[in-house]
Amino acid sequence: RGGPTDTAFLFHDFVRNISEPSATCVTTIPYSLPVRQRRVLVLGSGGLTIGQAGEFDYSGSQAIKALRESGVYSIVINPNIATVQTSAGYADRVY
């Protein structure tokens, strides 16, 4: 057996609470699926100089790629045209 054995009681309590919800004082909160967005506005990294804060451009461009893969229309506003975010084919609309 691997793992700690001194906390095995926590697993047993967890299984009991899940199998017998009325035996626990834990309150469950009703959950609903998140609303799927059709369009997302991405604010760009702004004016950068060479070697300054490239991670903002990287994270923004990765977000745009993830939105595209999810079928979400992306609109980018970025005053710096020399970023990956503003490259042709990334966002659906660039300003």
PDB file of N, CA and C in Angstrom:
ATOM      1  N   ARG A   1       0.830  -1.194   0.000  1.00  0.00           N
ATOM      2  CA  ARG A   1       0.000   0.000   0.000  1.00  0.00           C
ATOM      3  C   ARG A   1       0.863   1.242   0.000  1.00  0.00           C
ATOM      4  N   GLY A   2       0.469   2.168  -0.805  1.00  0.00           N
ATOM      5  CA  GLY A   2       1.214   3.419  -0.862  1.00  0.00           C
ATOM      6  C   GLY A   2       0.441   4.529  -0.189  1.00  0.00           C
ATOM      7  N   GLY A   3       1.139   5.605   0.093  1.00  0.00           N
ATOM      8  CA  GLY A   3       0.494   6.786   0.659  1.00  0.00           C
ATOM      9  C   GLY A   3       0.423   6.738   2.167  1.00  0.00           C
ATOM     10  N   PRO A   4      -0.008   7.843   2.752  1.00  0.00           N
ATOM     11  CA  PRO A   4      -0.088   7.909   4.214  1.00  0.00           C
ATOM     12  C   PRO A   4      -1.222   7.040   4.754  1.00  0.00           C
ATOM     13  N   THR A   5      -0.968   6.408   5.866  1.00  0.00           N
ATOM     14  CA  THR A   5      -2.009   5.572   6.470  1.00  0.00           C
ATOM     15  C   THR A   5      -2.673   6.261   7.657  1.00  0.00           C
ATOM     16  N   ASP A   6      -2.073   7.341   8.162  1.00  0.00           N
ATOM     17  CA  ASP A   6      -2.647   8.011   9.325  1.00  0.00           C
ATOM     18  C   ASP A   6      -3.885   8.841   8.969  1.00  0.00           C
ATOM     19  N   THR A   7      -4.145   9.053   7.676  1.00  0.00           N
ATOM     20  CA  THR A   7      -5.331   9.819   7.286  1.00  0.00           C
ATOM     21  C   THR A   7      -6.354   8.956   6.540  1.00  0.00           C
ATOM     22  N   ALA A   8      -6.229   7.653   6.669  1.00  0.00           N
ATOM     23  CA  ALA A   8      -7.155   6.749   5.994  1.00  0.00           C
ATOM     24  C   ALA A   8      -8.595   6.996   6.434  1.00  0.00           C
ATOM     25  N   PHE A   9      -8.791   7.473   7.667  1.00  0.00           N
ATOM     26  CA  PHE A   9     -10.142   7.728   8.168  1.00  0.00           C
ATOM     27  C   PHE A   9     -10.849   8.804   7.327  1.00  0.00           C
ATOM     28  N   LEU A  10     -10.081   9.735   6.752  1.00  0.00           N
ATOM     29  CA  LEU A  10     -10.691  10.774   5.930  1.00  0.00           C
ATOM     30  C   LEU A  10     -11.349  10.176   4.690  1.00  0.00           C
ATOM     31  N   PHE A  11     -10.697   9.186   4.093  1.00  0.00           N
ATOM     32  CA  PHE A  11     -11.269   8.547   2.925  1.00  0.00           C
ATOM     33  C   PHE A  11     -12.551   7.808   3.292  1.00  0.00           C
ATOM     34  N   HIS A  12     -12.542   7.120   4.423  1.00  0.00           N
ATOM     35  CA  HIS A  12     -13.737   6.396   4.852  1.00  0.00           C
ATOM     36  C   HIS A  12     -14.882   7.365   5.145  1.00  0.00           C
ATOM     37  N   ASP A  13     -14.570   8.501   5.775  1.00  0.00           N
ATOM     38  CA  ASP A  13     -15.604   9.510   6.033  1.00  0.00           C
ATOM     39  C   ASP A  13     -16.160  10.065   4.724  1.00  0.00           C
ATOM     40  N   PHE A  14     -15.272  10.290   3.768  1.00  0.00           N
ATOM     41  CA  PHE A  14     -15.696  10.810   2.477  1.00  0.00           C
ATOM     42  C   PHE A  14     -16.658   9.837   1.791  1.00  0.00           C
ATOM     43  N   VAL A  15     -16.283   8.571   1.735  1.00  0.00           N
ATOM     44  CA  VAL A  15     -17.131   7.566   1.091  1.00  0.00           C
ATOM     45  C   VAL A  15     -18.481   7.461   1.807  1.00  0.00           C
ATOM     46  N   ARG A  16     -18.470   7.490   3.134  1.00  0.00           N
ATOM     47  CA  ARG A  16     -19.722   7.420   3.884  1.00  0.00           C
ATOM     48  C   ARG A  16     -20.603   8.638   3.586  1.00  0.00           C
ATOM     49  N   ASN A  17     -20.007   9.815   3.559  1.00  0.00           N
ATOM     50  CA  ASN A  17     -20.789  11.032   3.313  1.00  0.00           C
ATOM     51  C   ASN A  17     -21.363  11.079   1.903  1.00  0.00           C
ATOM     52  N   ILE A  18     -20.638  10.531   0.951  1.00  0.00           N
ATOM     53  CA  ILE A  18     -21.142  10.505  -0.412  1.00  0.00           C
ATOM     54  C   ILE A  18     -22.252   9.467  -0.559  1.00  0.00           C
ATOM     55  N   SER A  19     -22.078   8.313   0.047  1.00  0.00           N
ATOM     56  CA  SER A  19     -23.077   7.249  -0.094  1.00  0.00           C
ATOM     57  C   SER A  19     -24.328   7.503   0.752  1.00  0.00           C
ATOM     58  N   GLU A  20     -24.182   8.254   1.840  1.00  0.00           N
ATOM     59  CA  GLU A  20     -25.318   8.578   2.706  1.00  0.00           C
ATOM     60  C   GLU A  20     -25.369  10.096   2.916  1.00  0.00           C
ATOM     61  N   PRO A  21     -25.871  10.857   1.939  1.00  0.00           N
ATOM     62  CA  PRO A  21     -25.844  12.316   2.048  1.00  0.00           C
ATOM     63  C   PRO A  21     -26.603  12.850   3.263  1.00  0.00           C
ATOM     64  N   SER A  22     -27.614  12.141   3.722  1.00  0.00           N
ATOM     65  CA  SER A  22     -28.383  12.638   4.868  1.00  0.00           C
ATOM     66  C   SER A  22     -27.628  12.469   6.181  1.00  0.00           C
ATOM     67  N   ALA A  23     -26.540  11.695   6.179  1.00  0.00           N
ATOM     68  CA  ALA A  23     -25.778  11.451   7.404  1.00  0.00           C
ATOM     69  C   ALA A  23     -24.707  12.502   7.646  1.00  0.00           C
ATOM     70  N   THR A  24     -24.650  13.495   6.814  1.00  0.00           N
ATOM     71  CA  THR A  24     -23.593  14.495   6.940  1.00  0.00           C
ATOM     72  C   THR A  24     -24.174  15.889   7.141  1.00  0.00           C
ATOM     73  N   CYS A  25     -23.402  16.756   7.721  1.00  0.00           N
ATOM     74  CA  CYS A  25     -23.844  18.128   7.906  1.00  0.00           C
ATOM     75  C   CYS A  25     -23.372  19.015   6.754  1.00  0.00           C
ATOM     76  N   VAL A  26     -22.775  18.411   5.743  1.00  0.00           N
ATOM     77  CA  VAL A  26     -22.290  19.176   4.592  1.00  0.00           C
ATOM     78  C   VAL A  26     -23.473  19.575   3.721  1.00  0.00           C
ATOM     79  N   THR A  27     -23.503  20.824   3.338  1.00  0.00           N
ATOM     80  CA  THR A  27     -24.572  21.330   2.490  1.00  0.00           C
ATOM     81  C   THR A  27     -24.087  21.361   1.051  1.00  0.00           C
ATOM     82  N   THR A  28     -24.903  20.865   0.165  1.00  0.00           N
ATOM     83  CA  THR A  28     -24.542  20.934  -1.243  1.00  0.00           C
ATOM     84  C   THR A  28     -25.221  22.146  -1.866  1.00  0.00           C
ATOM     85  N   ILE A  29     -24.505  22.806  -2.746  1.00  0.00           N
ATOM     86  CA  ILE A  29     -25.019  23.984  -3.417  1.00  0.00           C
ATOM     87  C   ILE A  29     -25.466  23.569  -4.810  1.00  0.00           C
ATOM     88  N   PRO A  30     -26.666  23.957  -5.200  1.00  0.00           N
ATOM     89  CA  PRO A  30     -27.122  23.602  -6.552  1.00  0.00           C
ATOM     90  C   PRO A  30     -26.152  24.156  -7.594  1.00  0.00           C
ATOM     91  N   TYR A  31     -25.866  23.358  -8.574  1.00  0.00           N
ATOM     92  CA  TYR A  31     -24.903  23.739  -9.595  1.00  0.00           C
ATOM     93  C   TYR A  31     -25.582  23.765 -10.951  1.00  0.00           C
ATOM     94  N   SER A  32     -25.298  24.792 -11.716  1.00  0.00           N
ATOM     95  CA  SER A  32     -25.789  24.835 -13.088  1.00  0.00           C
ATOM     96  C   SER A  32     -24.589  25.041 -14.002  1.00  0.00           C
ATOM     97  N   LEU A  33     -24.700  24.528 -15.194  1.00  0.00           N
ATOM     98  CA  LEU A  33     -23.611  24.659 -16.156  1.00  0.00           C
ATOM     99  C   LEU A  33     -23.405  26.132 -16.497  1.00  0.00           C
ATOM    100  N   PRO A  34     -22.158  26.531 -16.701  1.00  0.00           N
ATOM    101  CA  PRO A  34     -21.904  27.932 -17.043  1.00  0.00           C
ATOM    102  C   PRO A  34     -22.500  28.285 -18.401  1.00  0.00           C
ATOM    103  N   VAL A  35     -22.850  29.536 -18.553  1.00  0.00           N
ATOM    104  CA  VAL A  35     -23.398  30.017 -19.814  1.00  0.00           C
ATOM    105  C   VAL A  35     -22.256  30.101 -20.826  1.00  0.00           C
ATOM    106  N   ARG A  36     -22.484  29.548 -21.969  1.00  0.00           N
ATOM    107  CA  ARG A  36     -21.450  29.557 -23.010  1.00  0.00           C
ATOM    108  C   ARG A  36     -21.480  30.898 -23.733  1.00  0.00           C
ATOM    109  N   GLN A  37     -20.327  31.551 -23.776  1.00  0.00           N
ATOM    110  CA  GLN A  37     -20.224  32.853 -24.425  1.00  0.00           C
ATOM    111  C   GLN A  37     -20.061  32.677 -25.934  1.00  0.00           C
ATOM    112  N   ARG A  38     -20.678  33.573 -26.692  1.00  0.00           N
ATOM    113  CA  ARG A  38     -20.557  33.504 -28.140  1.00  0.00           C
ATOM    114  C   ARG A  38     -19.437  34.395 -28.655  1.00  0.00           C
ATOM    115  N   ARG A  39     -19.211  35.499 -27.940  1.00  0.00           N
ATOM    116  CA  ARG A  39     -18.159  36.442 -28.335  1.00  0.00           C
ATOM    117  C   ARG A  39     -17.387  36.867 -27.104  1.00  0.00           C
ATOM    118  N   VAL A  40     -16.081  37.006 -27.283  1.00  0.00           N
ATOM    119  CA  VAL A  40     -15.218  37.425 -26.173  1.00  0.00           C
ATOM    120  C   VAL A  40     -14.323  38.548 -26.659  1.00  0.00           C
ATOM    121  N   LEU A  41     -14.206  39.596 -25.841  1.00  0.00           N
ATOM    122  CA  LEU A  41     -13.317  40.710 -26.131  1.00  0.00           C
ATOM    123  C   LEU A  41     -11.998  40.467 -25.413  1.00  0.00           C
ATOM    124  N   VAL A  42     -10.906  40.444 -26.168  1.00  0.00           N
ATOM    125  CA  VAL A  42      -9.576  40.248 -25.600  1.00  0.00           C
ATOM    126  C   VAL A  42      -8.840  41.576 -25.683  1.00  0.00           C
ATOM    127  N   LEU A  43      -8.433  42.094 -24.529  1.00  0.00           N
ATOM    128  CA  LEU A  43      -7.663  43.325 -24.513  1.00  0.00           C
ATOM    129  C   LEU A  43      -6.196  42.978 -24.645  1.00  0.00           C
ATOM    130  N   GLY A  44      -5.543  43.555 -25.635  1.00  0.00           N
ATOM    131  CA  GLY A  44      -4.165  43.213 -25.943  1.00  0.00           C
ATOM    132  C   GLY A  44      -3.177  43.732 -24.923  1.00  0.00           C
ATOM    133  N   SER A  45      -1.935  43.385 -25.169  1.00  0.00           N
ATOM    134  CA  SER A  45      -0.871  43.710 -24.228  1.00  0.00           C
ATOM    135  C   SER A  45      -0.420  45.157 -24.312  1.00  0.00           C
ATOM    136  N   GLY A  46      -0.861  45.869 -25.305  1.00  0.00           N
ATOM    137  CA  GLY A  46      -0.500  47.278 -25.411  1.00  0.00           C
ATOM    138  C   GLY A  46       0.881  47.465 -25.992  1.00  0.00           C
ATOM    139  N   GLY A  47       1.378  48.679 -25.835  1.00  0.00           N
ATOM    140  CA  GLY A  47       2.673  49.021 -26.405  1.00  0.00           C
ATOM    141  C   GLY A  47       3.825  48.373 -25.661  1.00  0.00           C
ATOM    142  N   LEU A  48       4.552  47.522 -26.325  1.00  0.00           N
ATOM    143  CA  LEU A  48       5.709  46.860 -25.732  1.00  0.00           C
ATOM    144  C   LEU A  48       6.957  47.252 -26.503  1.00  0.00           C
ATOM    145  N   THR A  49       8.063  47.275 -25.815  1.00  0.00           N
ATOM    146  CA  THR A  49       9.334  47.464 -26.501  1.00  0.00           C
ATOM    147  C   THR A  49      10.018  46.097 -26.575  1.00  0.00           C
ATOM    148  N   ILE A  50      11.023  46.001 -27.374  1.00  0.00           N
ATOM    149  CA  ILE A  50      11.712  44.720 -27.538  1.00  0.00           C
ATOM    150  C   ILE A  50      12.240  44.241 -26.183  1.00  0.00           C
ATOM    151  N   GLY A  51      11.915  43.010 -25.846  1.00  0.00           N
ATOM    152  CA  GLY A  51      12.384  42.419 -24.595  1.00  0.00           C
ATOM    153  C   GLY A  51      11.552  42.776 -23.376  1.00  0.00           C
ATOM    154  N   GLN A  52      10.439  43.442 -23.576  1.00  0.00           N
ATOM    155  CA  GLN A  52       9.623  43.869 -22.440  1.00  0.00           C
ATOM    156  C   GLN A  52       8.293  43.126 -22.426  1.00  0.00           C
ATOM    157  N   ALA A  53       8.065  42.361 -21.398  1.00  0.00           N
ATOM    158  CA  ALA A  53       6.764  41.749 -21.102  1.00  0.00           C
ATOM    159  C   ALA A  53       6.175  40.941 -22.250  1.00  0.00           C
ATOM    160  N   GLY A  54       6.977  40.137 -22.909  1.00  0.00           N
ATOM    161  CA  GLY A  54       6.488  39.287 -23.979  1.00  0.00           C
ATOM    162  C   GLY A  54       5.500  38.234 -23.501  1.00  0.00           C
ATOM    163  N   GLU A  55       5.520  37.940 -22.202  1.00  0.00           N
ATOM    164  CA  GLU A  55       4.589  36.919 -21.692  1.00  0.00           C
ATOM    165  C   GLU A  55       3.138  37.358 -21.834  1.00  0.00           C
ATOM    166  N   PHE A  56       2.881  38.669 -21.866  1.00  0.00           N
ATOM    167  CA  PHE A  56       1.507  39.137 -22.050  1.00  0.00           C
ATOM    168  C   PHE A  56       1.040  38.827 -23.462  1.00  0.00           C
ATOM    169  N   ASP A  57       1.913  39.004 -24.419  1.00  0.00           N
ATOM    170  CA  ASP A  57       1.568  38.682 -25.800  1.00  0.00           C
ATOM    171  C   ASP A  57       1.368  37.177 -25.946  1.00  0.00           C
ATOM    172  N   TYR A  58       2.233  36.397 -25.309  1.00  0.00           N
ATOM    173  CA  TYR A  58       2.119  34.941 -25.394  1.00  0.00           C
ATOM    174  C   TYR A  58       0.806  34.461 -24.774  1.00  0.00           C
ATOM    175  N   SER A  59       0.492  34.943 -23.587  1.00  0.00           N
ATOM    176  CA  SER A  59      -0.729  34.478 -22.914  1.00  0.00           C
ATOM    177  C   SER A  59      -1.971  34.919 -23.676  1.00  0.00           C
ATOM    178  N   GLY A  60      -1.940  36.124 -24.232  1.00  0.00           N
ATOM    179  CA  GLY A  60      -3.081  36.592 -25.019  1.00  0.00           C
ATOM    180  C   GLY A  60      -3.266  35.779 -26.288  1.00  0.00           C
ATOM    181  N   SER A  61      -2.169  35.472 -26.968  1.00  0.00           N
ATOM    182  CA  SER A  61      -2.287  34.687 -28.194  1.00  0.00           C
ATOM    183  C   SER A  61      -2.742  33.259 -27.898  1.00  0.00           C
ATOM    184  N   GLN A  62      -2.333  32.702 -26.771  1.00  0.00           N
ATOM    185  CA  GLN A  62      -2.801  31.366 -26.383  1.00  0.00           C
ATOM    186  C   GLN A  62      -4.289  31.393 -26.051  1.00  0.00           C
ATOM    187  N   ALA A  63      -4.740  32.468 -25.423  1.00  0.00           N
ATOM    188  CA  ALA A  63      -6.173  32.607 -25.114  1.00  0.00           C
ATOM    189  C   ALA A  63      -6.986  32.672 -26.404  1.00  0.00           C
ATOM    190  N   ILE A  64      -6.492  33.419 -27.377  1.00  0.00           N
ATOM    191  CA  ILE A  64      -7.192  33.541 -28.653  1.00  0.00           C
ATOM    192  C   ILE A  64      -7.261  32.184 -29.354  1.00  0.00           C
ATOM    193  N   LYS A  65      -6.173  31.437 -29.332  1.00  0.00           N
ATOM    194  CA  LYS A  65      -6.176  30.104 -29.945  1.00  0.00           C
ATOM    195  C   LYS A  65      -7.166  29.182 -29.240  1.00  0.00           C
ATOM    196  N   ALA A  66      -7.230  29.247 -27.910  1.00  0.00           N
ATOM    197  CA  ALA A  66      -8.169  28.410 -27.157  1.00  0.00           C
ATOM    198  C   ALA A  66      -9.613  28.793 -27.474  1.00  0.00           C
ATOM    199  N   LEU A  67      -9.871  30.090 -27.613  1.00  0.00           N
ATOM    200  CA  LEU A  67     -11.220  30.539 -27.967  1.00  0.00           C
ATOM    201  C   LEU A  67     -11.613  30.017 -29.346  1.00  0.00           C
ATOM    202  N   ARG A  68     -10.685  30.092 -30.282  1.00  0.00           N
ATOM    203  CA  ARG A  68     -10.971  29.604 -31.636  1.00  0.00           C
ATOM    204  C   ARG A  68     -11.279  28.107 -31.613  1.00  0.00           C
ATOM    205  N   GLU A  69     -10.487  27.341 -30.867  1.00  0.00           N
ATOM    206  CA  GLU A  69     -10.714  25.895 -30.768  1.00  0.00           C
ATOM    207  C   GLU A  69     -12.057  25.582 -30.127  1.00  0.00           C
ATOM    208  N   SER A  70     -12.533  26.477 -29.259  1.00  0.00           N
ATOM    209  CA  SER A  70     -13.814  26.280 -28.583  1.00  0.00           C
ATOM    210  C   SER A  70     -14.989  26.806 -29.397  1.00  0.00           C
ATOM    211  N   GLY A  71     -14.690  27.409 -30.537  1.00  0.00           N
ATOM    212  CA  GLY A  71     -15.761  27.920 -31.388  1.00  0.00           C
ATOM    213  C   GLY A  71     -16.302  29.265 -30.930  1.00  0.00           C
ATOM    214  N   VAL A  72     -15.527  30.007 -30.154  1.00  0.00           N
ATOM    215  CA  VAL A  72     -15.955  31.304 -29.654  1.00  0.00           C
ATOM    216  C   VAL A  72     -15.370  32.403 -30.536  1.00  0.00           C
ATOM    217  N   TYR A  73     -16.203  33.357 -30.939  1.00  0.00           N
ATOM    218  CA  TYR A  73     -15.785  34.484 -31.764  1.00  0.00           C
ATOM    219  C   TYR A  73     -14.952  35.418 -30.906  1.00  0.00           C
ATOM    220  N   SER A  74     -13.724  35.715 -31.333  1.00  0.00           N
ATOM    221  CA  SER A  74     -12.832  36.570 -30.535  1.00  0.00           C
ATOM    222  C   SER A  74     -12.604  37.905 -31.211  1.00  0.00           C
ATOM    223  N   ILE A  75     -12.664  38.954 -30.405  1.00  0.00           N
ATOM    224  CA  ILE A  75     -12.426  40.317 -30.853  1.00  0.00           C
ATOM    225  C   ILE A  75     -11.242  40.837 -30.051  1.00  0.00           C
ATOM    226  N   VAL A  76     -10.182  41.277 -30.739  1.00  0.00           N
ATOM    227  CA  VAL A  76      -8.975  41.751 -30.064  1.00  0.00           C
ATOM    228  C   VAL A  76      -8.836  43.253 -30.251  1.00  0.00           C
ATOM    229  N   ILE A  77      -8.564  43.932 -29.149  1.00  0.00           N
ATOM    230  CA  ILE A  77      -8.209  45.350 -29.199  1.00  0.00           C
ATOM    231  C   ILE A  77      -6.792  45.458 -28.674  1.00  0.00           C
ATOM    232  N   ASN A  78      -5.881  45.849 -29.557  1.00  0.00           N
ATOM    233  CA  ASN A  78      -4.477  45.935 -29.180  1.00  0.00           C
ATOM    234  C   ASN A  78      -3.827  47.070 -29.968  1.00  0.00           C
ATOM    235  N   PRO A  79      -3.317  48.084 -29.278  1.00  0.00           N
ATOM    236  CA  PRO A  79      -2.706  49.202 -29.992  1.00  0.00           C
ATOM    237  C   PRO A  79      -1.344  48.867 -30.591  1.00  0.00           C
ATOM    238  N   ASN A  80      -0.774  47.752 -30.217  1.00  0.00           N
ATOM    239  CA  ASN A  80       0.546  47.372 -30.722  1.00  0.00           C
ATOM    240  C   ASN A  80       0.365  46.373 -31.859  1.00  0.00           C
ATOM    241  N   ILE A  81       0.629  46.798 -33.071  1.00  0.00           N
ATOM    242  CA  ILE A  81       0.413  45.900 -34.211  1.00  0.00           C
ATOM    243  C   ILE A  81       1.542  44.886 -34.380  1.00  0.00           C
ATOM    244  N   ALA A  82       2.615  45.041 -33.613  1.00  0.00           N
ATOM    245  CA  ALA A  82       3.765  44.144 -33.741  1.00  0.00           C
ATOM    246  C   ALA A  82       3.712  43.016 -32.719  1.00  0.00           C
ATOM    247  N   THR A  83       2.527  42.476 -32.467  1.00  0.00           N
ATOM    248  CA  THR A  83       2.392  41.358 -31.535  1.00  0.00           C
ATOM    249  C   THR A  83       1.819  40.154 -32.267  1.00  0.00           C
ATOM    250  N   VAL A  84       1.974  39.002 -31.684  1.00  0.00           N
ATOM    251  CA  VAL A  84       1.417  37.785 -32.271  1.00  0.00           C
ATOM    252  C   VAL A  84      -0.109  37.849 -32.258  1.00  0.00           C
ATOM    253  N   GLN A  85      -0.673  38.482 -31.237  1.00  0.00           N
ATOM    254  CA  GLN A  85      -2.131  38.579 -31.110  1.00  0.00           C
ATOM    255  C   GLN A  85      -2.777  39.206 -32.336  1.00  0.00           C
ATOM    256  N   THR A  86      -2.079  40.144 -32.972  1.00  0.00           N
ATOM    257  CA  THR A  86      -2.658  40.848 -34.107  1.00  0.00           C
ATOM    258  C   THR A  86      -2.294  40.209 -35.445  1.00  0.00           C
ATOM    259  N   SER A  87      -1.651  39.064 -35.420  1.00  0.00           N
ATOM    260  CA  SER A  87      -1.298  38.365 -36.669  1.00  0.00           C
ATOM    261  C   SER A  87      -2.545  37.893 -37.380  1.00  0.00           C
ATOM    262  N   ALA A  88      -2.465  37.872 -38.690  1.00  0.00           N
ATOM    263  CA  ALA A  88      -3.595  37.421 -39.506  1.00  0.00           C
ATOM    264  C   ALA A  88      -3.947  35.974 -39.167  1.00  0.00           C
ATOM    265  N   GLY A  89      -5.236  35.722 -39.031  1.00  0.00           N
ATOM    266  CA  GLY A  89      -5.704  34.364 -38.785  1.00  0.00           C
ATOM    267  C   GLY A  89      -5.858  33.976 -37.337  1.00  0.00           C
ATOM    268  N   TYR A  90      -5.420  34.821 -36.410  1.00  0.00           N
ATOM    269  CA  TYR A  90      -5.576  34.477 -34.986  1.00  0.00           C
ATOM    270  C   TYR A  90      -6.988  34.802 -34.518  1.00  0.00           C
ATOM    271  N   ALA A  91      -7.276  36.086 -34.396  1.00  0.00           N
ATOM    272  CA  ALA A  91      -8.589  36.497 -33.903  1.00  0.00           C
ATOM    273  C   ALA A  91      -9.554  36.667 -35.077  1.00  0.00           C
ATOM    274  N   ASP A  92     -10.826  36.635 -34.755  1.00  0.00           N
ATOM    275  CA  ASP A  92     -11.834  36.840 -35.797  1.00  0.00           C
ATOM    276  C   ASP A  92     -11.893  38.308 -36.237  1.00  0.00           C
ATOM    277  N   ARG A  93     -11.629  39.187 -35.268  1.00  0.00           N
ATOM    278  CA  ARG A  93     -11.662  40.631 -35.551  1.00  0.00           C
ATOM    279  C   ARG A  93     -10.566  41.300 -34.747  1.00  0.00           C
ATOM    280  N   VAL A  94      -9.812  42.214 -35.363  1.00  0.00           N
ATOM    281  CA  VAL A  94      -8.713  42.918 -34.681  1.00  0.00           C
ATOM    282  C   VAL A  94      -8.903  44.410 -34.872  1.00  0.00           C
ATOM    283  N   TYR A  95      -8.788  45.127 -33.755  1.00  0.00           N
ATOM    284  CA  TYR A  95      -8.847  46.596 -33.780  1.00  0.00           C
ATOM    285  C   TYR A  95      -7.596  47.142 -33.155  1.00  0.00           C
TER     286      TYR A  95
END
